C-alpha atoms as a PDB file:
ATOM      1  CA  MET A   1      43.934 123.207  66.931  1.00  0.00           C
ATOM      2  CA  ASN A   2      47.472 122.855  64.820  1.00  0.00           C
ATOM      3  CA  VAL A   3      49.747 125.754  64.269  1.00  0.00           C
ATOM      4  CA  TYR A   4      51.855 126.131  61.046  1.00  0.00           C
ATOM      5  CA  THR A   5      54.714 128.333  59.980  1.00  0.00           C
ATOM      6  CA  ILE A   6      54.303 130.475  57.315  1.00  0.00           C
ATOM      7  CA  ARG A   7      57.199 131.294  54.858  1.00  0.00           C
ATOM      8  CA  PRO A   8      56.594 134.218  51.495  1.00  0.00           C
ATOM      9  CA  ILE A   9      58.612 133.165  48.642  1.00  0.00           C
ATOM     10  CA  VAL A  10      58.926 135.597  45.184  1.00  0.00           C
ATOM     11  CA  THR A  11      58.719 133.373  42.167  1.00  0.00           C
ATOM     12  CA  GLY A  12      58.887 136.851  40.461  1.00  0.00           C
ATOM     13  CA  TYR A  13      57.867 140.445  39.314  1.00  0.00           C
ATOM     14  CA  THR A  14      54.955 141.478  37.511  1.00  0.00           C
ATOM     15  CA  HIS A  15      54.950 145.398  35.845  1.00  0.00           C
ATOM     16  CA  THR A  16      51.538 146.451  37.178  1.00  0.00           C
ATOM     17  CA  HIS A  17      49.910 149.638  35.602  1.00  0.00           C
ATOM     18  CA  LYS A  18      48.907 151.427  38.940  1.00  0.00           C
ATOM     19  CA  GLY A  19      46.285 153.593  37.589  1.00  0.00           C
ATOM     20  CA  THR A  20      44.873 150.339  36.056  1.00  0.00           C
ATOM     21  CA  TYR A  21      44.955 147.532  38.528  1.00  0.00           C
ATOM     22  CA  VAL A  22      46.155 148.444  41.989  1.00  0.00           C
ATOM     23  CA  TYR A  23      43.745 151.880  42.724  1.00  0.00           C
ATOM     24  CA  HIS A  24      40.364 152.767  40.866  1.00  0.00           C
ATOM     25  CA  HIS A  25      39.802 155.222  39.419  1.00  0.00           C
ATOM     26  CA  SER A  26      37.052 157.410  42.054  1.00  0.00           C
ATOM     27  CA  THR A  27      40.972 157.052  44.319  1.00  0.00           C
ATOM     28  CA  HIS A  28      43.558 158.145  41.905  1.00  0.00           C
ATOM     29  CA  LYS A  29      42.988 161.752  43.774  1.00  0.00           C
ATOM     30  CA  TYR A  30      44.258 160.194  47.025  1.00  0.00           C
ATOM     31  CA  TYR A  31      47.131 158.321  45.547  1.00  0.00           C
ATOM     32  CA  ASP A  32      50.387 157.903  42.734  1.00  0.00           C
ATOM     33  CA  ALA A  33      47.898 156.387  40.322  1.00  0.00           C
ATOM     34  CA  GLU A  34      50.479 157.367  38.011  1.00  0.00           C
ATOM     35  CA  GLY A  35      52.821 154.905  35.309  1.00  0.00           C
ATOM     36  CA  TYR A  36      53.886 151.251  36.956  1.00  0.00           C
ATOM     37  CA  ALA A  37      54.911 149.613  39.874  1.00  0.00           C
ATOM     38  CA  GLU A  38      57.215 146.303  39.720  1.00  0.00           C
ATOM     39  CA  LEU A  39      54.814 143.544  41.697  1.00  0.00           C
ATOM     40  CA  PRO A  40      56.217 140.700  43.818  1.00  0.00           C
ATOM     41  CA  VAL A  41      54.438 137.272  43.003  1.00  0.00           C
ATOM     42  CA  THR A  42      54.155 135.502  46.211  1.00  0.00           C
ATOM     43  CA  VAL A  43      53.255 132.330  47.763  1.00  0.00           C
ATOM     44  CA  PHE A  44      53.839 130.945  50.823  1.00  0.00           C
ATOM     45  CA  LEU A  45      55.190 127.832  52.003  1.00  0.00           C
ATOM     46  CA  VAL A  46      53.298 126.376  54.860  1.00  0.00           C
ATOM     47  CA  GLU A  47      54.826 123.581  57.555  1.00  0.00           C
ATOM     48  CA  GLY A  48      53.974 122.373  60.611  1.00  0.00           C
ATOM     49  CA  ASN A  49      52.933 118.847  62.010  1.00  0.00           C
ATOM     50  CA  GLY A  50      54.639 116.870  59.357  1.00  0.00           C
ATOM     51  CA  LYS A  51      53.307 118.985  56.699  1.00  0.00           C
ATOM     52  CA  LYS A  52      54.468 120.917  53.966  1.00  0.00           C
ATOM     53  CA  ILE A  53      51.532 122.915  52.172  1.00  0.00           C
ATOM     54  CA  MET A  54      51.899 125.207  49.349  1.00  0.00           C
ATOM     55  CA  ILE A  55      49.150 128.216  48.920  1.00  0.00           C
ATOM     56  CA  ASP A  56      49.501 129.068  45.375  1.00  0.00           C
ATOM     57  CA  THR A  57      52.168 127.838  42.419  1.00  0.00           C
ATOM     58  CA  GLY A  58      53.472 130.899  41.266  1.00  0.00           C
ATOM     59  CA  MET A  59      54.113 132.544  37.698  1.00  0.00           C
ATOM     60  CA  SER A  60      55.451 131.493  34.714  1.00  0.00           C
ATOM     61  CA  CYS A  61      59.164 132.437  33.203  1.00  0.00           C
ATOM     62  CA  THR A  62      59.355 135.897  31.662  1.00  0.00           C
ATOM     63  CA  GLU A  63      58.934 134.969  28.463  1.00  0.00           C
ATOM     64  CA  ILE A  64      55.392 134.204  28.797  1.00  0.00           C
ATOM     65  CA  ALA A  65      54.408 136.395  30.582  1.00  0.00           C
ATOM     66  CA  HIS A  66      56.173 139.350  29.168  1.00  0.00           C
ATOM     67  CA  LYS A  67      54.390 138.218  26.075  1.00  0.00           C
ATOM     68  CA  TYR A  68      50.885 137.097  27.220  1.00  0.00           C
ATOM     69  CA  HIS A  69      50.578 139.185  30.419  1.00  0.00           C
ATOM     70  CA  HIS A  70      52.161 142.444  31.849  1.00  0.00           C
ATOM     71  CA  PRO A  71      54.387 143.379  29.516  1.00  0.00           C
ATOM     72  CA  GLY A  72      57.795 144.277  31.364  1.00  0.00           C
ATOM     73  CA  SER A  73      57.162 141.339  33.769  1.00  0.00           C
ATOM     74  CA  TYR A  74      60.049 139.256  34.369  1.00  0.00           C
ATOM     75  CA  GLN A  75      60.911 135.731  36.676  1.00  0.00           C
ATOM     76  CA  PRO A  76      64.294 136.049  37.337  1.00  0.00           C
ATOM     77  CA  GLU A  77      67.107 132.536  37.255  1.00  0.00           C
ATOM     78  CA  GLY A  78      65.755 130.051  39.427  1.00  0.00           C
ATOM     79  CA  TYR A  79      63.360 132.039  41.338  1.00  0.00           C
ATOM     80  CA  ALA A  80      60.777 129.486  39.734  1.00  0.00           C
ATOM     81  CA  ILE A  81      58.715 127.803  42.739  1.00  0.00           C
ATOM     82  CA  HIS A  82      60.487 124.772  42.186  1.00  0.00           C
ATOM     83  CA  GLU A  83      64.241 125.910  42.075  1.00  0.00           C
ATOM     84  CA  GLN A  84      62.685 128.444  45.065  1.00  0.00           C
ATOM     85  CA  LEU A  85      61.735 125.198  46.772  1.00  0.00           C
ATOM     86  CA  GLU A  86      65.261 123.568  46.735  1.00  0.00           C
ATOM     87  CA  LYS A  87      67.153 126.265  48.067  1.00  0.00           C
ATOM     88  CA  LEU A  88      65.633 125.989  51.477  1.00  0.00           C
ATOM     89  CA  GLY A  89      66.595 121.835  50.394  1.00  0.00           C
ATOM     90  CA  ILE A  90      62.843 120.983  49.694  1.00  0.00           C
ATOM     91  CA  LYS A  91      61.993 119.059  46.573  1.00  0.00           C
ATOM     92  CA  PRO A  92      58.185 119.308  44.865  1.00  0.00           C
ATOM     93  CA  GLU A  93      57.270 116.426  45.622  1.00  0.00           C
ATOM     94  CA  GLU A  94      57.635 116.682  49.452  1.00  0.00           C
ATOM     95  CA  ILE A  95      54.843 119.234  48.841  1.00  0.00           C
ATOM     96  CA  ASP A  96      51.534 117.416  50.836  1.00  0.00           C
ATOM     97  CA  ILE A  97      48.985 119.999  49.499  1.00  0.00           C
ATOM     98  CA  VAL A  98      48.605 122.972  47.089  1.00  0.00           C
ATOM     99  CA  VAL A  99      45.494 125.687  47.882  1.00  0.00           C
ATOM    100  CA  PHE A 100      44.994 127.681  45.258  1.00  0.00           C
ATOM    101  CA  THR A 101      43.162 131.156  46.326  1.00  0.00           C
ATOM    102  CA  HIS A 102      41.950 131.192  41.996  1.00  0.00           C
ATOM    103  CA  LEU A 103      43.629 130.039  39.009  1.00  0.00           C
ATOM    104  CA  HIS A 104      45.078 133.251  36.842  1.00  0.00           C
ATOM    105  CA  TRP A 105      48.213 132.174  35.246  1.00  0.00           C
ATOM    106  CA  ASP A 106      50.625 134.128  38.128  1.00  0.00           C
ATOM    107  CA  HIS A 107      49.200 132.061  40.700  1.00  0.00           C
ATOM    108  CA  VAL A 108      49.168 128.071  38.350  1.00  0.00           C
ATOM    109  CA  TYR A 109      52.130 127.881  37.470  1.00  0.00           C
ATOM    110  CA  ASN A 110      54.587 124.577  37.627  1.00  0.00           C
ATOM    111  CA  MET A 111      51.762 122.588  39.062  1.00  0.00           C
ATOM    112  CA  GLY A 112      53.064 119.673  37.736  1.00  0.00           C
ATOM    113  CA  LYS A 113      56.203 119.575  40.044  1.00  0.00           C
ATOM    114  CA  PHE A 114      53.994 118.479  42.748  1.00  0.00           C
ATOM    115  CA  THR A 115      53.618 114.629  41.715  1.00  0.00           C
ATOM    116  CA  ASN A 116      52.262 113.918  45.674  1.00  0.00           C
ATOM    117  CA  ALA A 117      50.233 116.585  45.970  1.00  0.00           C
ATOM    118  CA  LYS A 118      46.552 117.216  46.552  1.00  0.00           C
ATOM    119  CA  PHE A 119      45.031 120.455  44.592  1.00  0.00           C
ATOM    120  CA  TYR A 120      42.119 122.412  46.411  1.00  0.00           C
ATOM    121  CA  VAL A 121      40.489 125.174  44.217  1.00  0.00           C
ATOM    122  CA  GLN A 122      36.391 126.476  45.034  1.00  0.00           C
ATOM    123  CA  LYS A 123      35.014 124.731  42.040  1.00  0.00           C
ATOM    124  CA  LYS A 124      33.057 128.231  40.822  1.00  0.00           C
ATOM    125  CA  GLU A 125      36.819 129.050  40.138  1.00  0.00           C
ATOM    126  CA  TYR A 126      37.718 125.868  38.073  1.00  0.00           C
ATOM    127  CA  ASP A 127      33.876 125.447  35.861  1.00  0.00           C
ATOM    128  CA  PHE A 128      34.902 129.345  34.921  1.00  0.00           C
ATOM    129  CA  ALA A 129      38.311 128.748  34.220  1.00  0.00           C
ATOM    130  CA  MET A 130      37.832 126.289  32.167  1.00  0.00           C
ATOM    131  CA  ASN A 131      35.392 128.021  29.849  1.00  0.00           C
ATOM    132  CA  PRO A 132      35.859 131.598  30.619  1.00  0.00           C
ATOM    133  CA  ILE A 133      34.747 134.291  28.540  1.00  0.00           C
ATOM    134  CA  PRO A 134      36.939 135.728  25.929  1.00  0.00           C
ATOM    135  CA  LEU A 135      38.059 138.730  28.871  1.00  0.00           C
ATOM    136  CA  TYR A 136      39.426 135.957  30.893  1.00  0.00           C
ATOM    137  CA  TYR A 137      41.209 133.962  28.393  1.00  0.00           C
ATOM    138  CA  LYS A 138      44.878 135.315  29.280  1.00  0.00           C
ATOM    139  CA  SER A 139      44.024 135.003  32.172  1.00  0.00           C
ATOM    140  CA  TYR A 140      43.256 131.572  32.103  1.00  0.00           C
ATOM    141  CA  GLU A 141      45.986 130.593  29.406  1.00  0.00           C
ATOM    142  CA  PHE A 142      42.799 129.117  27.736  1.00  0.00           C
ATOM    143  CA  PRO A 143      44.306 126.803  24.177  1.00  0.00           C
ATOM    144  CA  LEU A 144      42.249 129.396  22.344  1.00  0.00           C
ATOM    145  CA  LEU A 145      45.807 131.513  22.465  1.00  0.00           C
ATOM    146  CA  GLY A 146      48.052 128.422  21.805  1.00  0.00           C
ATOM    147  CA  LEU A 147      48.778 127.640  25.392  1.00  0.00           C
ATOM    148  CA  GLU A 148      48.069 124.502  27.679  1.00  0.00           C
ATOM    149  CA  PRO A 149      46.803 125.866  31.143  1.00  0.00           C
ATOM    150  CA  GLN A 150      48.573 124.542  34.063  1.00  0.00           C
ATOM    151  CA  PHE A 151      45.715 123.333  35.288  1.00  0.00           C
ATOM    152  CA  LYS A 152      44.216 120.499  32.319  1.00  0.00           C
ATOM    153  CA  GLY A 153      44.188 117.104  33.294  1.00  0.00           C
ATOM    154  CA  VAL A 154      44.869 117.439  37.070  1.00  0.00           C
ATOM    155  CA  ASP A 155      42.577 116.122  39.858  1.00  0.00           C
ATOM    156  CA  PHE A 156      41.108 118.560  41.700  1.00  0.00           C
ATOM    157  CA  GLU A 157      39.555 118.943  45.474  1.00  0.00           C
ATOM    158  CA  PHE A 158      37.096 120.744  44.622  1.00  0.00           C
ATOM    159  CA  LEU A 159      35.586 123.616  47.535  1.00  0.00           C
ATOM    160  CA  ASP A 160      32.361 124.503  48.062  1.00  0.00           C
ATOM    161  CA  GLY A 161      32.196 128.051  50.165  1.00  0.00           C
ATOM    162  CA  GLU A 162      34.141 127.989  54.079  1.00  0.00           C
ATOM    163  CA  GLN A 163      35.735 124.859  54.482  1.00  0.00           C
ATOM    164  CA  THR A 164      38.475 123.235  56.784  1.00  0.00           C
ATOM    165  CA  ILE A 165      41.378 121.672  54.353  1.00  0.00           C
ATOM    166  CA  ILE A 166      43.143 119.464  56.976  1.00  0.00           C
ATOM    167  CA  ASP A 167      43.160 121.092  61.286  1.00  0.00           C
ATOM    168  CA  GLY A 168      44.211 124.206  61.534  1.00  0.00           C
ATOM    169  CA  ILE A 169      43.719 125.404  57.617  1.00  0.00           C
ATOM    170  CA  SER A 170      40.648 126.729  56.120  1.00  0.00           C
ATOM    171  CA  VAL A 171      39.521 128.885  52.862  1.00  0.00           C
ATOM    172  CA  TYR A 172      36.649 131.250  52.832  1.00  0.00           C
ATOM    173  CA  PRO A 173      35.193 132.635  49.595  1.00  0.00           C
ATOM    174  CA  THR A 174      36.117 136.311  48.562  1.00  0.00           C
ATOM    175  CA  PRO A 175      34.563 137.020  45.264  1.00  0.00           C
ATOM    176  CA  GLY A 176      35.341 139.965  43.117  1.00  0.00           C
ATOM    177  CA  HIS A 177      38.686 139.718  41.828  1.00  0.00           C
ATOM    178  CA  SER A 178      37.527 136.679  40.144  1.00  0.00           C
ATOM    179  CA  ILE A 179      34.329 134.010  40.496  1.00  0.00           C
ATOM    180  CA  GLY A 180      35.417 131.664  42.753  1.00  0.00           C
ATOM    181  CA  HIS A 181      38.360 133.289  44.728  1.00  0.00           C
ATOM    182  CA  GLN A 182      39.011 132.575  47.924  1.00  0.00           C
ATOM    183  CA  VAL A 183      41.439 133.195  51.168  1.00  0.00           C
ATOM    184  CA  VAL A 184      43.505 130.688  52.498  1.00  0.00           C
ATOM    185  CA  VAL A 185      43.192 131.113  56.424  1.00  0.00           C
ATOM    186  CA  VAL A 186      46.549 129.412  58.334  1.00  0.00           C
ATOM    187  CA  ASN A 187      46.817 129.088  62.040  1.00  0.00           C
ATOM    188  CA  THR A 188      49.956 129.882  64.087  1.00  0.00           C
ATOM    189  CA  GLU A 189      51.500 130.552  67.308  1.00  0.00           C
ATOM    190  CA  VAL A 190      50.876 133.904  67.939  1.00  0.00           C
ATOM    191  CA  GLY A 191      47.169 133.930  65.262  1.00  0.00           C
ATOM    192  CA  GLU A 192      45.055 132.909  62.232  1.00  0.00           C
ATOM    193  CA  TYR A 193      47.194 134.816  58.923  1.00  0.00           C
ATOM    194  CA  HIS A 194      45.179 135.301  56.483  1.00  0.00           C
ATOM    195  CA  CYS A 195      46.430 135.004  52.839  1.00  0.00           C
ATOM    196  CA  CYS A 196      43.742 136.996  50.536  1.00  0.00           C
ATOM    197  CA  GLY A 197      45.626 136.189  47.146  1.00  0.00           C
ATOM    198  CA  ASP A 198      44.244 138.610  44.863  1.00  0.00           C
ATOM    199  CA  ALA A 199      41.257 139.863  47.404  1.00  0.00           C
ATOM    200  CA  LEU A 200      43.024 142.902  47.414  1.00  0.00           C
ATOM    201  CA  PHE A 201      46.568 143.924  45.797  1.00  0.00           C
ATOM    202  CA  VAL A 202      48.231 146.316  48.189  1.00  0.00           C
ATOM    203  CA  TYR A 203      48.049 147.314  51.602  1.00  0.00           C
ATOM    204  CA  ASP A 204      46.208 150.688  50.305  1.00  0.00           C
ATOM    205  CA  ASN A 205      43.074 148.691  49.417  1.00  0.00           C
ATOM    206  CA  LEU A 206      42.158 148.318  52.809  1.00  0.00           C
ATOM    207  CA  LYS A 207      42.272 151.901  53.346  1.00  0.00           C
ATOM    208  CA  GLU A 208      39.627 153.904  54.440  1.00  0.00           C
ATOM    209  CA  ILE A 209      39.142 157.385  52.160  1.00  0.00           C
ATOM    210  CA  PRO A 210      35.798 159.594  54.981  1.00  0.00           C
ATOM    211  CA  GLU A 211      36.164 162.206  52.285  1.00  0.00           C
ATOM    212  CA  ILE A 212      34.147 159.621  49.943  1.00  0.00           C
ATOM    213  CA  PHE A 213      32.762 157.869  52.500  1.00  0.00           C
ATOM    214  CA  TYR A 214      34.709 154.842  51.096  1.00  0.00           C
ATOM    215  CA  THR A 215      35.318 152.339  53.872  1.00  0.00           C
ATOM    216  CA  VAL A 216      38.195 150.375  51.340  1.00  0.00           C
ATOM    217  CA  THR A 217      40.373 152.156  48.263  1.00  0.00           C
ATOM    218  CA  PRO A 218      39.142 148.966  45.536  1.00  0.00           C
ATOM    219  CA  PRO A 219      41.690 147.889  42.995  1.00  0.00           C
ATOM    220  CA  ALA A 220      41.562 148.842  40.009  1.00  0.00           C
ATOM    221  CA  ARG A 221      41.380 145.141  38.628  1.00  0.00           C
ATOM    222  CA  PHE A 222      38.330 142.867  39.281  1.00  0.00           C
ATOM    223  CA  GLU A 223      35.597 141.277  37.925  1.00  0.00           C
ATOM    224  CA  ASN A 224      32.729 142.068  40.283  1.00  0.00           C
ATOM    225  CA  ILE A 225      33.783 144.935  41.802  1.00  0.00           C
ATOM    226  CA  THR A 226      30.304 144.695  44.120  1.00  0.00           C
ATOM    227  CA  GLU A 227      31.167 141.476  45.857  1.00  0.00           C
ATOM    228  CA  SER A 228      35.696 142.884  45.910  1.00  0.00           C
ATOM    229  CA  TRP A 229      34.035 145.336  47.762  1.00  0.00           C
ATOM    230  CA  ARG A 230      32.419 143.388  50.071  1.00  0.00           C
ATOM    231  CA  SER A 231      35.096 140.695  49.752  1.00  0.00           C
ATOM    232  CA  ILE A 232      37.649 143.764  51.681  1.00  0.00           C
ATOM    233  CA  GLU A 233      35.859 144.860  53.711  1.00  0.00           C
ATOM    234  CA  ASN A 234      35.281 140.894  55.397  1.00  0.00           C
ATOM    235  CA  ILE A 235      39.245 140.432  55.310  1.00  0.00           C
ATOM    236  CA  LYS A 236      39.195 143.221  57.598  1.00  0.00           C
ATOM    237  CA  ARG A 237      36.591 142.442  59.718  1.00  0.00           C
ATOM    238  CA  ARG A 238      38.525 138.275  60.036  1.00  0.00           C
ATOM    239  CA  ALA A 239      41.628 139.313  60.558  1.00  0.00           C
ATOM    240  CA  LYS A 240      43.802 140.431  63.880  1.00  0.00           C
ATOM    241  CA  ASP A 241      44.871 143.327  62.358  1.00  0.00           C
ATOM    242  CA  ASN A 242      46.573 144.064  58.909  1.00  0.00           C
ATOM    243  CA  SER A 243      49.546 142.607  59.832  1.00  0.00           C
ATOM    244  CA  PHE A 244      48.145 139.369  59.659  1.00  0.00           C
ATOM    245  CA  ILE A 245      46.818 139.564  56.298  1.00  0.00           C
ATOM    246  CA  LEU A 246      49.010 138.826  53.322  1.00  0.00           C
ATOM    247  CA  LEU A 247      49.370 139.841  49.814  1.00  0.00           C
ATOM    248  CA  THR A 248      50.458 138.057  46.412  1.00  0.00           C
ATOM    249  CA  HIS A 249      51.306 141.206  44.940  1.00  0.00           C
ATOM    250  CA  GLU A 250      52.345 143.420  47.959  1.00  0.00           C
ATOM    251  CA  PRO A 251      55.619 144.844  47.992  1.00  0.00           C
ATOM    252  CA  GLN A 252      55.980 144.318  51.892  1.00  0.00           C
ATOM    253  CA  MET A 253      56.725 140.732  50.796  1.00  0.00           C
ATOM    254  CA  ALA A 254      58.968 140.713  48.779  1.00  0.00           C
ATOM    255  CA  GLU A 255      60.842 142.723  51.911  1.00  0.00           C
ATOM    256  CA  LEU A 256      60.303 139.848  54.010  1.00  0.00           C
ATOM    257  CA  PHE A 257      61.118 137.060  51.318  1.00  0.00           C
ATOM    258  CA  LYS A 258      64.740 138.970  51.041  1.00  0.00           C
ATOM    259  CA  LYS A 259      65.474 138.316  54.602  1.00  0.00           C
ATOM    260  CA  ARG A 260      64.371 134.655  54.379  1.00  0.00           C
ATOM    261  CA  THR A 261      61.486 135.862  57.532  1.00  0.00           C
ATOM    262  CA  VAL A 262      59.268 133.467  58.620  1.00  0.00           C
ATOM    263  CA  LEU A 263      56.036 134.269  59.936  1.00  0.00           C
ATOM    264  CA  GLY A 264      53.780 132.324  63.157  1.00  0.00           C
ATOM    265  CA  LYS A 265      56.077 131.589  65.425  1.00  0.00           C
ATOM    266  CA  LYS A 266      56.464 133.829  69.086  1.00  0.00           C
ATOM    267  CA  ILE A 267      59.464 135.519  69.429  1.00  0.00           C
END
């Protein structure tokens, strides 16, 4: 099986209330759920076997993030994904494949820059994104808000369940945060990494709480709590250990990014 490397890239920061996003209300007594956290919006550059692949494309500019999504969120100058790639000497048009964990606003920005890429998403996710209930108009930047979704008019390669994208890169469904959410699995020299998008927000969501018989610490933001719970359990079963689980909003991703860490190589 082909092997790849993975580079976390931060595209901005969301101002997120811990008690209404990160930790389900039933778990607040076990965590610091008060106030807000500044969480990174991380995407992943995958390289190997002559291919350059993105997992998600990141968030919007500060103006849109603050006005329509999480007030206080921001994208520092030079942090848009195409700008971050150019710092690495990579042009957006060099990207061969983009795999989306889901189509929420902070995962899909600047898609138009990737002019030579094939775009992959679960068909269930796309169908809902094109016609969401009003509760999710902001998440998908529905046109009635005066916005144009980044994925409007895009020709996707649609996925149905667990599938292989190319040798060494596959996906499996993890619904709960969104209807068609998926995890992207990347094979490397040291094992398979699971790029989990928003199936969970922080590593605390993987923790058990034995006092209340919880096998996970569920997040507070979800489309379906039962599916979210089971998806997190599934990720825990599949991953070699927690270090092989990569999350969009986990603060440790920002530290890896600052160190210019490349994952997946044997030391």
